[in-house]
Protein backbone atom coordinates (compact mmCIF):
# COMPACT_ATOMS: atom_id res chain seq x y z
CA MET A 1 120.57 -31.09 -6.28
CA GLU A 2 119.52 -33.87 -8.41
CA LEU A 3 115.30 -34.25 -7.53
CA PHE A 4 115.03 -37.33 -6.51
CA ASP A 5 118.00 -36.87 -3.26
CA LYS A 6 114.98 -36.01 -1.41
CA VAL A 7 113.91 -39.60 -2.45
CA LYS A 8 117.22 -41.13 -1.36
CA ASN A 9 117.35 -39.64 1.23
CA PHE A 10 114.31 -40.37 3.15
CA THR A 11 114.64 -43.23 4.72
CA ILE A 12 113.03 -42.42 8.63
CA ALA A 13 109.62 -43.69 7.48
CA ARG A 14 111.55 -47.74 6.85
CA GLU A 15 113.79 -46.99 10.15
CA VAL A 16 110.83 -46.85 11.75
CA GLN A 17 108.79 -49.76 10.60
CA ALA A 18 111.98 -51.44 10.91
CA ALA A 19 112.14 -50.71 14.48
CA GLY A 20 108.12 -51.92 14.70
CA LEU A 21 107.05 -48.02 15.91
CA TYR A 22 105.27 -47.28 12.83
CA PRO A 23 101.53 -46.50 13.75
CA TYR A 24 100.42 -45.63 9.84
CA PHE A 25 99.17 -48.12 6.85
CA HIS A 26 98.37 -50.98 9.00
CA THR A 27 96.61 -53.03 6.72
CA VAL A 28 93.00 -53.79 7.66
CA GLU A 29 92.08 -57.80 6.26
CA SER A 30 87.84 -57.38 6.61
CA GLY A 31 85.56 -55.45 6.32
CA GLN A 32 84.94 -51.86 8.16
CA ASN A 33 83.08 -53.23 11.30
CA ALA A 34 83.43 -52.74 14.83
CA ILE A 35 85.50 -55.53 15.31
CA VAL A 36 87.90 -56.27 12.20
CA THR A 37 91.20 -58.35 11.40
CA CYS A 38 94.24 -56.54 11.14
CA GLU A 39 97.58 -57.78 10.21
CA GLY A 40 95.68 -61.43 10.87
CA ARG A 41 94.91 -60.08 14.16
CA ARG A 42 91.30 -59.71 15.63
CA MET A 43 91.13 -56.30 17.14
CA ILE A 44 88.01 -53.78 18.37
CA MET A 45 88.06 -50.82 15.01
CA MET A 46 88.21 -47.19 17.40
CA GLY A 47 89.43 -45.55 14.15
CA SER A 48 87.17 -46.08 11.21
CA ASN A 49 84.94 -42.70 10.50
CA SER A 50 81.92 -45.39 9.60
CA TYR A 51 80.03 -43.67 12.45
CA LEU A 52 76.74 -45.17 11.64
CA GLY A 53 78.12 -48.68 11.00
CA LEU A 54 76.94 -49.17 7.34
CA ALA A 55 80.28 -49.92 6.22
CA THR A 56 78.97 -53.68 6.09
CA ASP A 57 75.27 -53.48 5.70
CA GLN A 58 74.22 -55.59 3.51
CA ARG A 59 71.47 -53.29 1.84
CA LEU A 60 74.71 -50.63 0.98
CA LYS A 61 76.43 -53.81 -0.49
CA ASN A 62 73.26 -54.91 -2.67
CA ALA A 63 72.48 -51.21 -3.85
CA ALA A 64 76.64 -51.15 -5.36
CA ILE A 65 76.24 -54.58 -6.81
CA MET A 66 72.78 -53.21 -8.78
CA ALA A 67 74.02 -50.38 -9.86
CA THR A 68 77.72 -52.00 -11.17
CA GLN A 69 75.54 -54.44 -12.71
CA LYS A 70 73.26 -51.56 -14.99
CA TYR A 71 75.85 -48.87 -15.39
CA GLY A 72 79.20 -50.45 -15.24
CA THR A 73 82.35 -50.36 -12.87
CA GLY A 74 82.97 -46.48 -14.24
CA CYS A 75 81.62 -43.45 -15.62
CA VAL A 76 85.28 -42.97 -17.66
CA GLY A 77 84.62 -39.18 -18.10
CA SER A 78 83.88 -36.32 -15.95
CA ARG A 79 80.31 -34.79 -14.63
CA PHE A 80 81.58 -31.98 -17.00
CA LEU A 81 81.14 -34.11 -20.33
CA ASN A 82 79.66 -37.67 -20.23
CA GLY A 83 80.55 -38.79 -16.87
CA THR A 84 76.92 -37.46 -15.64
CA LEU A 85 74.45 -40.41 -14.54
CA ASP A 86 70.54 -40.37 -13.71
CA ILE A 87 71.98 -41.56 -10.64
CA HIS A 88 73.93 -38.44 -9.86
CA GLU A 89 71.34 -36.29 -10.40
CA LYS A 90 69.18 -38.00 -8.43
CA LEU A 91 71.64 -38.12 -5.33
CA GLU A 92 71.96 -34.51 -5.50
CA LYS A 93 68.15 -33.51 -5.51
CA GLU A 94 68.05 -36.07 -2.29
CA LEU A 95 70.83 -34.50 -0.97
CA ALA A 96 69.62 -30.92 -1.28
CA ASP A 97 66.47 -31.80 0.27
CA TYR A 98 68.14 -33.52 3.10
CA VAL A 99 70.52 -30.77 4.07
CA GLY A 100 67.49 -28.43 3.06
CA LYS A 101 69.30 -26.39 0.39
CA PRO A 102 67.96 -25.68 -3.13
CA ALA A 103 70.49 -27.75 -4.86
CA ALA A 104 73.47 -30.09 -4.69
CA LEU A 105 76.51 -30.97 -6.60
CA VAL A 106 78.06 -34.21 -6.16
CA PHE A 107 82.11 -34.18 -6.27
CA THR A 108 84.69 -37.43 -6.56
CA THR A 109 85.71 -36.78 -2.99
CA GLY A 110 85.67 -34.98 -0.31
CA MET A 111 89.05 -33.41 -0.35
CA GLN A 112 87.97 -32.43 -4.26
CA VAL A 113 84.62 -30.45 -3.04
CA ASN A 114 87.20 -28.46 -0.50
CA LEU A 115 89.60 -27.59 -3.42
CA GLY A 116 86.89 -27.19 -5.99
CA VAL A 117 84.89 -25.03 -4.41
CA ILE A 118 87.00 -22.68 -2.51
CA SER A 119 89.56 -22.12 -5.72
CA ALA A 120 86.46 -21.20 -7.74
CA LEU A 121 84.86 -19.00 -5.34
CA VAL A 122 87.39 -16.93 -4.12
CA GLY A 123 89.60 -14.40 -6.27
CA LYS A 124 92.11 -11.79 -6.41
CA LYS A 125 91.89 -9.57 -3.03
CA ASP A 126 89.56 -11.53 -1.58
CA TYR A 127 89.57 -12.88 1.72
CA ILE A 128 88.85 -16.57 3.86
CA ILE A 129 88.22 -16.51 7.24
CA ALA A 130 89.21 -19.69 8.75
CA ASP A 131 89.21 -21.62 12.44
CA LYS A 132 92.58 -22.98 13.04
CA PHE A 133 91.69 -26.20 13.61
CA ASP A 134 89.61 -26.48 10.03
CA HIS A 135 90.60 -29.61 7.94
CA ALA A 136 93.94 -29.95 5.50
CA SER A 137 91.56 -30.11 2.72
CA ILE A 138 89.97 -26.55 3.19
CA LEU A 139 93.33 -24.97 3.98
CA ASP A 140 94.55 -26.60 0.65
CA GLY A 141 91.55 -25.16 -0.84
CA CYS A 142 92.53 -21.95 0.53
CA ARG A 143 96.10 -22.51 -0.84
CA LEU A 144 94.82 -22.80 -4.53
CA SER A 145 92.70 -19.76 -4.61
CA ALA A 146 93.99 -16.47 -5.37
CA GLY A 147 92.48 -15.57 -1.96
CA ILE A 148 94.10 -14.15 1.16
CA LEU A 149 93.66 -16.48 4.15
CA VAL A 150 92.97 -15.50 7.58
CA ARG A 151 92.88 -17.30 11.06
CA PHE A 152 91.47 -17.16 13.95
CA LYS A 153 91.71 -19.21 17.63
CA HIS A 154 89.75 -22.18 17.59
CA ASN A 155 86.10 -21.44 18.67
CA ASP A 156 86.86 -18.31 19.98
CA ILE A 157 84.39 -15.69 19.24
CA GLU A 158 85.68 -13.20 20.19
CA ASP A 159 88.81 -13.42 18.41
CA PHE A 160 86.73 -14.33 15.60
CA GLU A 161 84.96 -11.01 15.40
CA TYR A 162 88.38 -9.30 16.23
CA VAL A 163 89.54 -10.63 12.81
CA LEU A 164 86.57 -10.04 10.76
CA LYS A 165 86.37 -6.27 12.04
CA ASN A 166 89.95 -5.60 10.69
CA LEU A 167 89.37 -6.88 7.09
CA PRO A 168 88.43 -4.55 4.21
CA GLN A 169 85.27 -3.73 4.29
CA ASP A 170 84.25 -3.72 0.97
CA ALA A 171 86.39 -6.64 0.13
CA GLY A 172 84.88 -10.66 -0.61
CA LYS A 173 84.53 -12.69 3.06
CA LEU A 174 84.29 -16.33 2.90
CA VAL A 175 84.06 -17.86 6.33
CA ILE A 176 84.94 -21.46 6.54
CA VAL A 177 84.89 -23.57 9.70
CA ASP A 178 84.35 -27.31 10.04
CA GLY A 179 80.77 -28.33 11.91
CA VAL A 180 82.46 -31.17 13.96
CA PHE A 181 86.26 -31.03 13.92
CA SER A 182 88.13 -34.09 13.05
CA MET A 183 90.13 -34.67 15.90
CA GLU A 184 88.58 -33.12 18.94
CA GLY A 185 85.31 -34.07 18.17
CA ASP A 186 84.00 -30.41 19.53
CA VAL A 187 81.23 -28.56 17.53
CA ALA A 188 81.23 -24.73 16.30
CA PRO A 189 79.55 -22.31 17.76
CA LEU A 190 77.38 -21.73 14.38
CA ASP A 191 74.60 -19.27 16.18
CA LYS A 192 76.94 -17.22 17.68
CA MET A 193 79.29 -17.16 15.08
CA LEU A 194 76.31 -16.40 11.78
CA PRO A 195 75.53 -12.89 13.79
CA ILE A 196 78.95 -11.75 13.58
CA ALA A 197 79.83 -12.91 9.99
CA LYS A 198 76.35 -10.94 8.75
CA LYS A 199 77.32 -8.25 10.60
CA TYR A 200 80.43 -7.82 8.62
CA GLY A 201 78.97 -8.72 5.31
CA ALA A 202 80.87 -12.01 5.05
CA ARG A 203 79.44 -15.77 3.56
CA PHE A 204 79.47 -18.76 5.85
CA MET A 205 80.15 -22.28 4.34
CA VAL A 206 80.38 -25.27 6.74
CA ASP A 207 82.25 -28.29 6.06
CA ASP A 208 80.09 -30.89 8.16
CA ALA A 209 81.58 -33.97 7.12
CA HIS A 210 81.82 -35.44 10.45
CA GLY A 211 78.38 -33.91 11.07
CA ILE A 212 76.03 -35.21 8.65
CA GLY A 213 74.93 -38.44 9.82
CA VAL A 214 75.29 -37.61 13.55
CA LEU A 215 73.88 -34.20 14.60
CA GLY A 216 70.56 -32.78 13.52
CA CYS A 217 66.92 -34.31 13.00
CA CYS A 218 68.07 -37.49 11.40
CA GLY A 219 71.23 -36.95 11.07
CA ARG A 220 70.83 -33.32 9.14
CA GLY A 221 74.13 -31.86 10.51
CA THR A 222 75.78 -29.22 12.11
CA CYS A 223 73.39 -26.46 10.77
CA ASP A 224 69.99 -28.19 11.55
CA TYR A 225 71.28 -28.82 15.12
CA PHE A 226 71.54 -25.10 15.66
CA GLY A 227 68.44 -24.21 13.83
CA VAL A 228 70.86 -21.79 11.19
CA THR A 229 70.29 -23.27 8.06
CA GLU A 230 68.88 -20.59 5.84
CA GLU A 231 71.46 -18.27 7.11
CA VAL A 232 74.53 -20.62 6.06
CA ASP A 233 75.47 -20.00 2.65
CA LEU A 234 77.16 -23.23 1.67
CA ILE A 235 77.00 -26.92 3.48
CA MET A 236 79.66 -29.26 2.69
CA GLY A 237 79.77 -33.12 3.25
CA THR A 238 81.54 -36.32 2.61
CA PHE A 239 80.47 -39.66 1.35
CA SER A 240 82.97 -41.60 3.39
CA LYS A 241 81.95 -41.30 6.65
CA SER A 242 77.82 -41.90 8.01
CA PHE A 243 77.14 -42.75 4.67
CA ALA A 244 79.91 -45.18 3.83
CA SER A 245 81.33 -45.12 0.80
CA THR A 246 83.72 -42.61 -1.11
CA GLY A 247 82.83 -38.80 -2.30
CA GLY A 248 81.54 -35.35 -1.03
CA PHE A 249 78.81 -32.84 -1.86
CA ILE A 250 77.90 -28.74 -1.65
CA ALA A 251 74.60 -27.60 -1.12
CA GLY A 252 73.50 -24.13 -1.26
CA ASP A 253 71.82 -21.69 -3.73
CA GLU A 254 71.06 -23.02 -6.71
CA ASP A 255 72.95 -19.97 -8.46
CA VAL A 256 76.09 -20.49 -6.89
CA ILE A 257 75.82 -24.33 -7.13
CA HIS A 258 75.10 -23.84 -10.71
CA TYR A 259 78.61 -21.07 -10.73
CA ILE A 260 81.34 -23.65 -8.91
CA LYS A 261 79.32 -26.30 -11.56
CA HIS A 262 81.17 -24.35 -14.06
CA ASN A 263 84.68 -23.56 -12.05
CA ALA A 264 85.54 -26.11 -10.05
CA ARG A 265 88.05 -27.42 -11.74
CA ALA A 266 88.50 -30.48 -9.05
CA LEU A 267 85.13 -31.11 -10.61
CA ILE A 268 85.94 -30.88 -14.34
CA PHE A 269 88.91 -32.38 -14.82
CA SER A 270 87.63 -35.72 -12.28
CA ALA A 271 86.02 -38.64 -13.19
CA ALA A 272 82.68 -39.04 -11.98
CA PRO A 273 82.13 -40.88 -8.74
CA SER A 274 81.80 -44.60 -9.67
CA PRO A 275 77.86 -45.98 -9.83
CA ALA A 276 78.52 -48.29 -7.67
CA ASN A 277 79.78 -45.50 -4.64
CA VAL A 278 76.90 -43.25 -5.92
CA ALA A 279 73.95 -46.18 -5.55
CA SER A 280 75.04 -47.10 -2.13
CA VAL A 281 75.20 -43.07 -0.68
CA ILE A 282 71.76 -43.47 -1.57
CA ARG A 283 70.61 -46.62 -0.09
CA ALA A 284 72.76 -45.28 3.02
CA LEU A 285 70.54 -41.73 2.80
CA GLU A 286 67.60 -44.03 2.63
CA ILE A 287 68.59 -45.79 6.02
CA ILE A 288 69.50 -43.00 7.57
CA LYS A 289 66.30 -40.78 7.16
CA LYS A 290 64.06 -43.31 8.63
CA ASP A 291 65.96 -45.47 10.89
CA ALA A 292 66.70 -42.22 13.65
CA LYS A 293 67.00 -45.48 16.33
CA ARG A 294 70.65 -45.96 15.08
CA ILE A 295 71.79 -42.45 15.75
CA THR A 296 70.22 -42.76 19.58
CA ARG A 297 72.40 -45.86 19.29
CA LEU A 298 75.81 -44.01 18.22
CA LEU A 299 75.86 -41.50 20.27
CA ASN A 300 74.44 -42.88 23.56
CA ARG A 301 77.45 -45.46 22.48
CA ALA A 302 79.42 -42.52 22.71
CA LYS A 303 78.58 -41.07 25.84
CA TYR A 304 79.17 -44.57 27.58
CA MET A 305 82.95 -44.80 26.15
CA ARG A 306 83.58 -40.79 27.04
CA ASP A 307 81.92 -41.35 30.88
CA SER A 308 83.87 -44.42 31.29
CA LEU A 309 87.35 -42.30 30.18
CA LYS A 310 86.54 -40.18 32.39
CA SER A 311 85.94 -42.62 35.61
CA MET A 312 89.30 -42.99 34.71
CA GLY A 313 90.84 -39.85 35.03
CA PHE A 314 91.71 -39.82 31.16
CA ASN A 315 91.09 -35.98 29.83
CA THR A 316 88.71 -36.46 26.86
CA GLY A 317 88.11 -32.72 25.69
CA HIS A 318 84.97 -31.07 25.12
CA THR A 319 83.94 -33.58 22.42
CA THR A 320 79.79 -34.21 22.23
CA THR A 321 80.11 -36.24 18.98
CA PRO A 322 81.35 -39.85 18.64
CA ILE A 323 85.05 -38.21 17.86
CA ILE A 324 86.87 -38.79 21.55
CA PRO A 325 89.92 -37.29 21.52
CA VAL A 326 92.03 -39.04 24.74
CA VAL A 327 94.08 -36.10 25.60
CA ILE A 328 97.57 -37.49 26.39
CA GLY A 329 99.90 -34.09 26.08
CA ASP A 330 103.57 -34.96 25.01
CA ASP A 331 104.16 -36.70 21.53
CA MET A 332 106.35 -39.45 22.70
CA THR A 333 103.45 -40.40 25.23
CA ALA A 334 100.62 -40.20 22.87
CA PHE A 335 102.66 -42.76 20.61
CA LYS A 336 103.49 -45.12 23.65
CA MET A 337 99.64 -45.15 24.27
CA TRP A 338 99.09 -45.62 20.59
CA LYS A 339 101.63 -48.73 20.38
CA SER A 340 100.35 -50.38 24.09
CA LEU A 341 96.49 -49.97 22.34
CA PHE A 342 97.71 -51.75 19.17
CA GLU A 343 99.22 -54.47 21.32
CA LYS A 344 96.64 -55.09 23.15
CA GLY A 345 94.04 -54.87 20.46
CA VAL A 346 92.76 -51.87 20.26
CA PHE A 347 92.94 -49.74 16.80
CA VAL A 348 93.07 -46.01 17.50
CA THR A 349 95.13 -43.45 15.50
CA PRO A 350 97.54 -41.01 17.59
CA VAL A 351 97.79 -37.37 16.99
CA VAL A 352 100.28 -35.56 17.39
CA SER A 353 102.01 -32.34 16.71
CA PRO A 354 101.55 -30.06 14.39
CA ALA A 355 98.19 -31.70 14.03
CA VAL A 356 97.32 -30.54 17.25
CA PRO A 357 99.08 -27.99 19.21
CA PRO A 358 102.22 -28.84 21.07
CA GLY A 359 101.73 -30.31 24.38
CA ARG A 360 98.30 -31.48 23.33
CA ALA A 361 98.31 -34.84 21.49
CA LEU A 362 95.99 -37.40 21.44
CA ILE A 363 94.64 -40.29 20.87
CA ARG A 364 91.48 -40.20 18.45
CA VAL A 365 88.85 -42.81 19.30
CA SER A 366 85.89 -42.73 16.92
CA ILE A 367 82.59 -44.64 17.86
CA MET A 368 80.57 -46.39 15.90
CA ALA A 369 76.74 -47.57 15.91
CA SER A 370 77.35 -51.43 15.65
CA HIS A 371 79.69 -50.88 18.64
CA THR A 372 78.48 -52.88 21.92
CA LYS A 373 78.95 -52.11 25.17
CA LYS A 374 80.94 -55.03 25.62
CA HIS A 375 83.12 -53.87 22.70
CA ILE A 376 83.68 -50.37 24.68
CA ASP A 377 83.61 -52.62 28.13
CA GLU A 378 87.29 -53.95 26.29
CA ALA A 379 88.85 -51.27 24.78
CA CYS A 380 88.14 -49.36 27.78
CA ALA A 381 90.05 -52.64 29.91
CA ALA A 382 92.85 -51.64 27.38
CA PHE A 383 92.72 -48.01 27.97
CA ARG A 384 92.90 -48.69 32.04
CA GLU A 385 95.89 -50.89 31.22
CA ALA A 386 98.13 -48.58 29.17
CA GLY A 387 97.09 -45.37 31.38
CA GLU A 388 98.34 -47.07 34.18
CA GLU A 389 101.56 -48.50 32.61
CA LEU A 390 102.23 -44.88 30.83
CA GLY A 391 101.66 -43.31 34.28
CA ILE A 392 98.70 -41.50 32.63
CA ILE A 393 96.26 -42.32 35.02
CA LYS A 394 97.21 -43.91 38.42
CA GLY A 395 99.62 -46.46 37.98
CA THR A 396 103.93 -46.29 37.04
CA SER A 397 105.34 -46.58 33.51
CA ALA A 398 106.41 -49.89 32.63
CA VAL A 399 108.31 -48.95 29.58
CA SER A 400 112.28 -49.29 31.19
CA PRO A 401 114.89 -46.11 30.06
CA PRO A 402 116.68 -47.57 27.68
CA LYS A 403 113.82 -48.55 25.71
CA ALA A 404 112.38 -45.60 26.18
CA ARG A 405 115.66 -43.78 24.75
CA ARG A 406 115.33 -45.75 21.73
CA MET A 407 111.63 -44.89 21.01
CA ALA A 408 112.10 -41.04 21.80
CA LYS A 409 115.19 -40.97 19.30
CA THR A 410 112.85 -42.90 16.49
CA TRP A 411 109.75 -40.91 17.20
CA ASN A 412 111.45 -37.53 17.21
CA ALA A 413 112.96 -38.21 14.11
CA LEU A 414 109.17 -39.51 12.81
CA ASN A 415 107.72 -35.98 14.02
CA GLY A 416 109.71 -33.76 12.11
CA TRP A 417 109.01 -35.53 8.60
CA MET A 418 105.38 -35.19 10.27
CA LYS A 419 106.09 -31.81 11.00
CA ASN A 420 107.00 -31.17 6.75
CA LEU A 421 103.88 -32.94 6.34
CA TRP A 422 101.45 -30.79 8.31
CA ASN A 423 103.48 -27.46 7.78
CA TRP A 424 100.17 -25.24 6.97
CA ARG A 425 102.09 -21.72 7.52
CA ARG A 426 104.45 -23.22 4.54
CA LEU A 427 101.84 -24.40 3.02
CA ASN A 428 99.07 -21.43 3.04
CA ARG A 429 99.20 -18.06 3.03
CA SER A 430 98.39 -16.40 6.17
CA VAL A 431 97.95 -12.77 8.02
CA ASN A 432 97.66 -14.02 10.91
């Protein structure tokens, strides 16, 4: 087969686009706020990770402008060579202090943090113990390492201990979990997991991309929320959520960060984060530490949305965070739900298998501090109408059988493509 034959044979995405059923890459033509303009239409944005609503904050814009005027538009080099600026080091010191660790290291993206850190630390005959719901960047970092990936059932303490107990005692072990899981919005029970990890001699890393800025004192994250910061070896965070920018960081003991700095290929061979990005994160961090009411407002808005959806009869899982999974069930119904909400002016994200277990397809809702109760009421009205149309809550399906069959055929083909994209077992070595 000629290399590009696969390109010529890949037609499903264009077919779905032509049918008007494609749920991805929709163009937003405004700032990421509670209300956006998407393809010329007003929509309530409930698919953004800007939890604190800072993506359009003028203070962050001003910081980015000033940094660009002083340093230029880019660093034109890696952190390892000419790309380290004084503001990179300033941000690293402030982040380390913020999350309660001696040192921190800033990367250009959050994905690169996990790729670089895991592949640098985990060597041959070492083991990575990961939750089955861990983020794709963690699993790709495992793939790049020379170690062996072992996975345990999601947030299952008994299975977690069973997996650790059956690994070689003298092997290097790194446990990696999301602090807040990006699709379900539930929280890893760090307080229960850490004593078990210590019992079996495992180091512990928390990917807190969705916990930083949301949980803990002044948004210090999931580790602070449980009071286990000192016991956790490494804390990872990103700037593309609460900090409303781009980039990521790892925090831990100084000697560990020093090692990662000199061995993480994702850091050494990538251009440094731009001055505008770094300056806006510094400003965001200042705002977050001073404005605790913003986090309180976020959590209150999330509870209001969650309670409203539950009162209608929707299943929102075990979330206690601004990520609210509206569990639909089968993939096709979730797709129909997304389509109906999109047509009603609510921007959400459909999540289907294999990104979630079969039979647990969901609509991912993310709340921002900038959402008002009026925004949420309007979105909930759309959820009620769509849910009743599809028979998810009281009501009957409004989709005609012929149309449903056409949609099912198209969606099944699209789902096959997604399974190739998300096929973890094909991409990662696993012993269970």
